Amino acid sequence: MTLIENYSRDMPPEHKAIQWLMSFCETEPWVQFKSSKNTTDECEIPLLNVELIVESVSNRTYELCMYAGIGEHRIVQLFQPSLRGKMNLEGTMEEQDSCFDKDRYWCYLCLEVEEEHESLPFGDHLITLALALRDDVSTAKKIPLLDMFLAHDRDEHVWIEGYYNSGPETGIYDREDEKLIPLRIRALCHKFSCLEDELACSSFGEKERYNIIEEEMRAATVEIRKNKLGSLHS
């Protein structure tokens, strides 16, 4: 019995969902699940480190890390989970790269959990996330920031720290270091940074602001793909 199965044994709905999750991960080669006891963070309830790794149909790898709190009646997600993705390429020199260089290939992704999924047992919630990330191309049709991540290549990912609700960000703020970033990436991130500042001073509500940013992300992603297609035929 795994650690998380042991903690969930007195919570029938959670235990059933966790057992399904374990069985699912054993039979599906594209998903891995790991859990370990968290001994570094103080918490009134037992705390587990949870990691879910998914290989997608688009040849990307996604890594989801979160804290799971063991409550009296259910397992709850604590704090904001960390999700990041990278593009897999065969025949690359990645295996010879240092840990620092390997991290450059990963981009953080700020994916919000839909409200109807928050009430699911923890294991069901993770399977839902795994299936969504597995078919990331279909999922991206509903999530503009994920679609933009898919539109970019590995050479562009090394310059982008993450794709957030406010748009893509490089995470590079030193003036001299910024000059090393390709102009198209700098211009894209600058555009969304300015848009966020402009909307923050507007009369739009929070939901309206994010809807506007999402529409701009969709339009920018179409342009990214159009430019890549054009360069292939030039």
Protein backbone atom coordinates (compact mmCIF):
# COMPACT_ATOMS: atom_id res chain seq x y z
CA MET A 1 0.00 0.00 0.00
CA THR A 2 1.36 3.41 -0.98
CA LEU A 3 1.68 6.30 1.45
CA ILE A 4 -1.35 8.18 0.15
CA GLU A 5 -3.44 4.98 0.07
CA ASN A 6 -2.55 4.37 3.70
CA TYR A 7 -3.61 7.89 4.72
CA SER A 8 -6.92 7.61 2.82
CA ARG A 9 -7.99 4.18 4.15
CA ASP A 10 -10.43 5.69 6.70
CA MET A 11 -12.09 7.90 4.07
CA PRO A 12 -14.02 5.50 1.76
CA PRO A 13 -14.74 7.92 -1.16
CA GLU A 14 -11.16 9.22 -1.13
CA HIS A 15 -9.68 5.74 -0.74
CA LYS A 16 -11.68 4.39 -3.67
CA ALA A 17 -10.56 7.30 -5.87
CA ILE A 18 -6.91 6.89 -4.82
CA GLN A 19 -7.01 3.17 -5.58
CA TRP A 20 -8.45 3.97 -9.01
CA LEU A 21 -5.64 6.51 -9.50
CA MET A 22 -2.99 3.93 -8.56
CA SER A 23 -4.51 1.35 -10.91
CA PHE A 24 -4.77 3.96 -13.67
CA CYS A 25 -1.08 4.92 -13.34
CA GLU A 26 -0.01 1.27 -13.34
CA THR A 27 -1.82 0.49 -16.58
CA GLU A 28 -1.14 3.72 -18.50
CA PRO A 29 2.57 4.13 -19.44
CA TRP A 30 2.22 7.86 -20.15
CA VAL A 31 1.44 8.91 -16.56
CA GLN A 32 3.44 8.63 -13.32
CA PHE A 33 2.34 9.43 -9.77
CA LYS A 34 4.54 9.93 -6.71
CA SER A 35 3.79 10.93 -3.13
CA SER A 36 6.02 11.51 -0.12
CA LYS A 37 5.59 12.89 3.39
CA ASN A 38 6.32 16.59 3.73
CA THR A 39 8.57 17.20 6.73
CA THR A 40 9.69 20.76 6.00
CA ASP A 41 6.44 22.78 6.15
CA GLU A 42 4.51 23.22 9.41
CA CYS A 43 0.85 22.22 9.16
CA GLU A 44 -1.85 21.16 11.61
CA ILE A 45 -2.71 18.12 9.48
CA PRO A 46 -0.47 15.53 7.75
CA LEU A 47 0.97 16.99 4.57
CA LEU A 48 2.10 15.09 1.48
CA ASN A 49 4.18 16.16 -1.51
CA VAL A 50 2.39 14.96 -4.65
CA GLU A 51 3.85 14.79 -8.15
CA LEU A 52 2.09 13.87 -11.38
CA ILE A 53 4.06 13.49 -14.63
CA VAL A 54 2.21 13.23 -17.94
CA GLU A 55 3.51 12.53 -21.45
CA SER A 56 1.13 14.18 -23.92
CA VAL A 57 -0.01 13.29 -27.43
CA SER A 58 1.81 16.41 -28.71
CA ASN A 59 5.14 15.03 -27.43
CA ARG A 60 5.35 17.32 -24.41
CA THR A 61 6.02 16.44 -20.79
CA TYR A 62 3.99 18.04 -17.99
CA GLU A 63 5.00 18.02 -14.33
CA LEU A 64 2.41 18.88 -11.69
CA CYS A 65 3.57 19.35 -8.08
CA MET A 66 1.21 20.10 -5.20
CA TYR A 67 0.63 19.72 -1.48
CA ALA A 68 -2.07 17.33 -0.32
CA GLY A 69 -3.46 17.83 3.18
CA ILE A 70 -4.95 14.81 4.93
CA GLY A 71 -8.14 16.09 6.55
CA GLU A 72 -10.62 14.25 8.75
CA HIS A 73 -13.00 13.32 5.93
CA ARG A 74 -11.13 14.12 2.70
CA ILE A 75 -7.80 14.86 1.06
CA VAL A 76 -7.53 18.52 0.12
CA GLN A 77 -5.23 20.43 -2.19
CA LEU A 78 -3.35 23.08 -0.24
CA PHE A 79 -1.79 26.20 -1.75
CA GLN A 80 -1.40 26.87 -5.46
CA PRO A 81 -0.07 23.84 -7.37
CA SER A 82 2.95 24.21 -9.64
CA LEU A 83 2.52 23.04 -13.25
CA ARG A 84 5.21 23.25 -15.88
CA GLY A 85 5.71 21.77 -19.34
CA LYS A 86 8.44 21.19 -21.88
CA MET A 87 8.74 20.03 -25.44
CA ASN A 88 10.38 16.65 -26.06
CA LEU A 89 12.74 16.31 -28.99
CA GLU A 90 14.46 13.12 -30.03
CA GLY A 91 18.17 13.18 -30.71
CA THR A 92 18.87 16.28 -28.60
CA MET A 93 21.81 16.82 -26.27
CA GLU A 94 19.53 17.36 -23.26
CA GLU A 95 20.90 14.34 -21.38
CA GLN A 96 24.32 15.97 -21.39
CA ASP A 97 23.05 19.32 -20.17
CA SER A 98 23.54 20.46 -16.58
CA CYS A 99 20.53 20.63 -14.23
CA PHE A 100 20.45 24.41 -14.75
CA ASP A 101 20.35 24.07 -18.53
CA LYS A 102 17.64 21.41 -18.36
CA ASP A 103 15.44 23.74 -16.31
CA ARG A 104 15.59 26.32 -19.12
CA TYR A 105 13.48 24.03 -21.30
CA TRP A 106 10.57 24.08 -18.81
CA CYS A 107 7.84 26.73 -18.78
CA TYR A 108 5.40 27.32 -15.93
CA LEU A 109 1.72 27.12 -16.85
CA CYS A 110 -0.96 28.82 -14.78
CA LEU A 111 -3.95 26.54 -15.32
CA GLU A 112 -6.96 27.20 -13.09
CA VAL A 113 -9.04 24.31 -11.77
CA GLU A 114 -12.71 24.55 -12.76
CA GLU A 115 -15.06 24.94 -9.81
CA GLU A 116 -16.97 21.73 -10.53
CA HIS A 117 -13.72 19.75 -10.23
CA GLU A 118 -12.81 21.16 -6.80
CA SER A 119 -15.41 18.99 -5.08
CA LEU A 120 -14.11 15.76 -6.64
CA PRO A 121 -12.23 13.22 -4.49
CA PHE A 122 -8.50 13.91 -4.74
CA GLY A 123 -7.73 10.85 -6.90
CA ASP A 124 -10.54 11.68 -9.36
CA HIS A 125 -9.27 15.25 -9.55
CA LEU A 126 -5.77 14.05 -10.49
CA ILE A 127 -7.06 11.63 -13.13
CA THR A 128 -9.12 14.45 -14.66
CA LEU A 129 -5.98 16.62 -14.81
CA ALA A 130 -3.91 13.77 -16.26
CA LEU A 131 -6.43 13.12 -19.05
CA ALA A 132 -6.65 16.85 -19.87
CA LEU A 133 -2.86 17.14 -20.10
CA ARG A 134 -2.55 13.91 -22.06
CA ASP A 135 -4.77 15.35 -24.82
CA ASP A 136 -3.23 18.81 -24.52
CA VAL A 137 -4.07 19.77 -28.10
CA SER A 138 -7.82 19.44 -27.43
CA THR A 139 -7.52 21.03 -23.98
CA ALA A 140 -5.65 24.00 -25.46
CA LYS A 141 -8.67 24.88 -27.60
CA LYS A 142 -10.33 26.02 -24.36
CA ILE A 143 -7.24 27.48 -22.66
CA PRO A 144 -5.43 30.23 -24.63
CA LEU A 145 -2.24 30.24 -22.53
CA LEU A 146 -1.77 26.49 -23.09
CA ASP A 147 -2.39 26.97 -26.80
CA MET A 148 0.32 29.63 -26.94
CA PHE A 149 2.70 27.27 -25.14
CA LEU A 150 2.00 24.64 -27.81
CA ALA A 151 2.50 27.17 -30.61
CA HIS A 152 6.01 28.00 -29.42
CA ASP A 153 9.02 25.77 -30.04
CA ARG A 154 11.75 24.66 -27.68
CA ASP A 155 14.07 27.47 -28.86
CA GLU A 156 11.43 29.97 -27.75
CA HIS A 157 10.63 28.18 -24.49
CA VAL A 158 14.17 28.77 -23.20
CA TRP A 159 13.42 32.51 -23.12
CA ILE A 160 9.95 32.25 -21.54
CA GLU A 161 9.64 31.65 -17.80
CA GLY A 162 5.94 30.89 -17.96
CA TYR A 163 2.54 31.41 -19.51
CA TYR A 164 0.20 33.09 -17.04
CA ASN A 165 -3.34 34.48 -16.99
CA SER A 166 -1.83 37.88 -17.73
CA GLY A 167 0.23 36.56 -20.67
CA PRO A 168 3.72 35.13 -21.25
CA GLU A 169 6.65 36.39 -19.17
CA THR A 170 10.40 36.00 -19.63
CA GLY A 171 11.28 36.39 -15.95
CA ILE A 172 14.32 38.38 -17.08
CA TYR A 173 14.37 41.98 -15.84
CA ASP A 174 18.00 43.04 -16.13
CA ARG A 175 18.39 45.52 -18.99
CA GLU A 176 21.54 43.93 -20.37
CA ASP A 177 20.18 40.39 -20.11
CA GLU A 178 16.97 41.45 -21.84
CA LYS A 179 18.99 42.34 -24.93
CA LEU A 180 19.83 38.66 -25.36
CA ILE A 181 16.15 37.73 -25.74
CA PRO A 182 14.95 37.42 -29.37
CA LEU A 183 13.03 40.53 -30.36
CA ARG A 184 9.81 38.66 -31.20
CA ILE A 185 9.72 37.17 -27.68
CA ARG A 186 10.51 40.49 -26.02
CA ALA A 187 7.83 42.26 -28.07
CA LEU A 188 5.24 39.60 -27.25
CA CYS A 189 5.86 39.69 -23.50
CA HIS A 190 6.04 43.50 -23.50
CA LYS A 191 2.69 43.68 -25.29
CA PHE A 192 0.93 41.67 -22.60
CA SER A 193 2.70 43.48 -19.77
CA CYS A 194 1.45 46.80 -21.15
CA LEU A 195 -2.03 45.38 -21.70
CA GLU A 196 -2.21 44.21 -18.09
CA ASP A 197 -1.15 47.65 -16.82
CA GLU A 198 -3.67 49.38 -19.08
CA LEU A 199 -6.54 47.13 -17.99
CA ALA A 200 -5.62 47.53 -14.31
CA CYS A 201 -6.39 51.24 -14.65
CA SER A 202 -9.64 50.66 -16.52
CA SER A 203 -13.22 50.27 -15.31
CA PHE A 204 -13.38 46.63 -16.45
CA GLY A 205 -14.04 44.00 -13.80
CA GLU A 206 -11.55 41.20 -13.14
CA LYS A 207 -13.39 38.65 -15.27
CA GLU A 208 -13.73 41.14 -18.13
CA ARG A 209 -10.01 41.94 -17.98
CA TYR A 210 -9.05 38.27 -18.22
CA ASN A 211 -11.51 37.75 -21.10
CA ILE A 212 -9.82 40.58 -23.00
CA ILE A 213 -6.35 39.13 -22.32
CA GLU A 214 -7.53 35.68 -23.43
CA GLU A 215 -8.82 37.08 -26.72
CA GLU A 216 -5.50 38.85 -27.28
CA MET A 217 -3.66 35.61 -26.52
CA ARG A 218 -5.78 33.74 -29.06
CA ALA A 219 -5.05 36.35 -31.71
CA ALA A 220 -1.32 36.38 -30.91
CA THR A 221 -1.18 32.56 -31.09
CA VAL A 222 -2.82 32.56 -34.52
CA GLU A 223 -0.17 35.07 -35.64
CA ILE A 224 2.64 32.93 -34.18
CA ARG A 225 1.48 29.87 -36.13
CA LYS A 226 0.93 31.93 -39.29
CA ASN A 227 4.49 33.30 -39.11
CA LYS A 228 5.95 29.82 -38.54
CA LEU A 229 4.00 28.45 -41.51
CA GLY A 230 5.16 31.36 -43.65
CA SER A 231 8.81 30.78 -42.74
CA LEU A 232 8.51 27.12 -43.77
CA HIS A 233 7.34 28.09 -47.25
CA SER A 234 9.75 30.99 -47.76
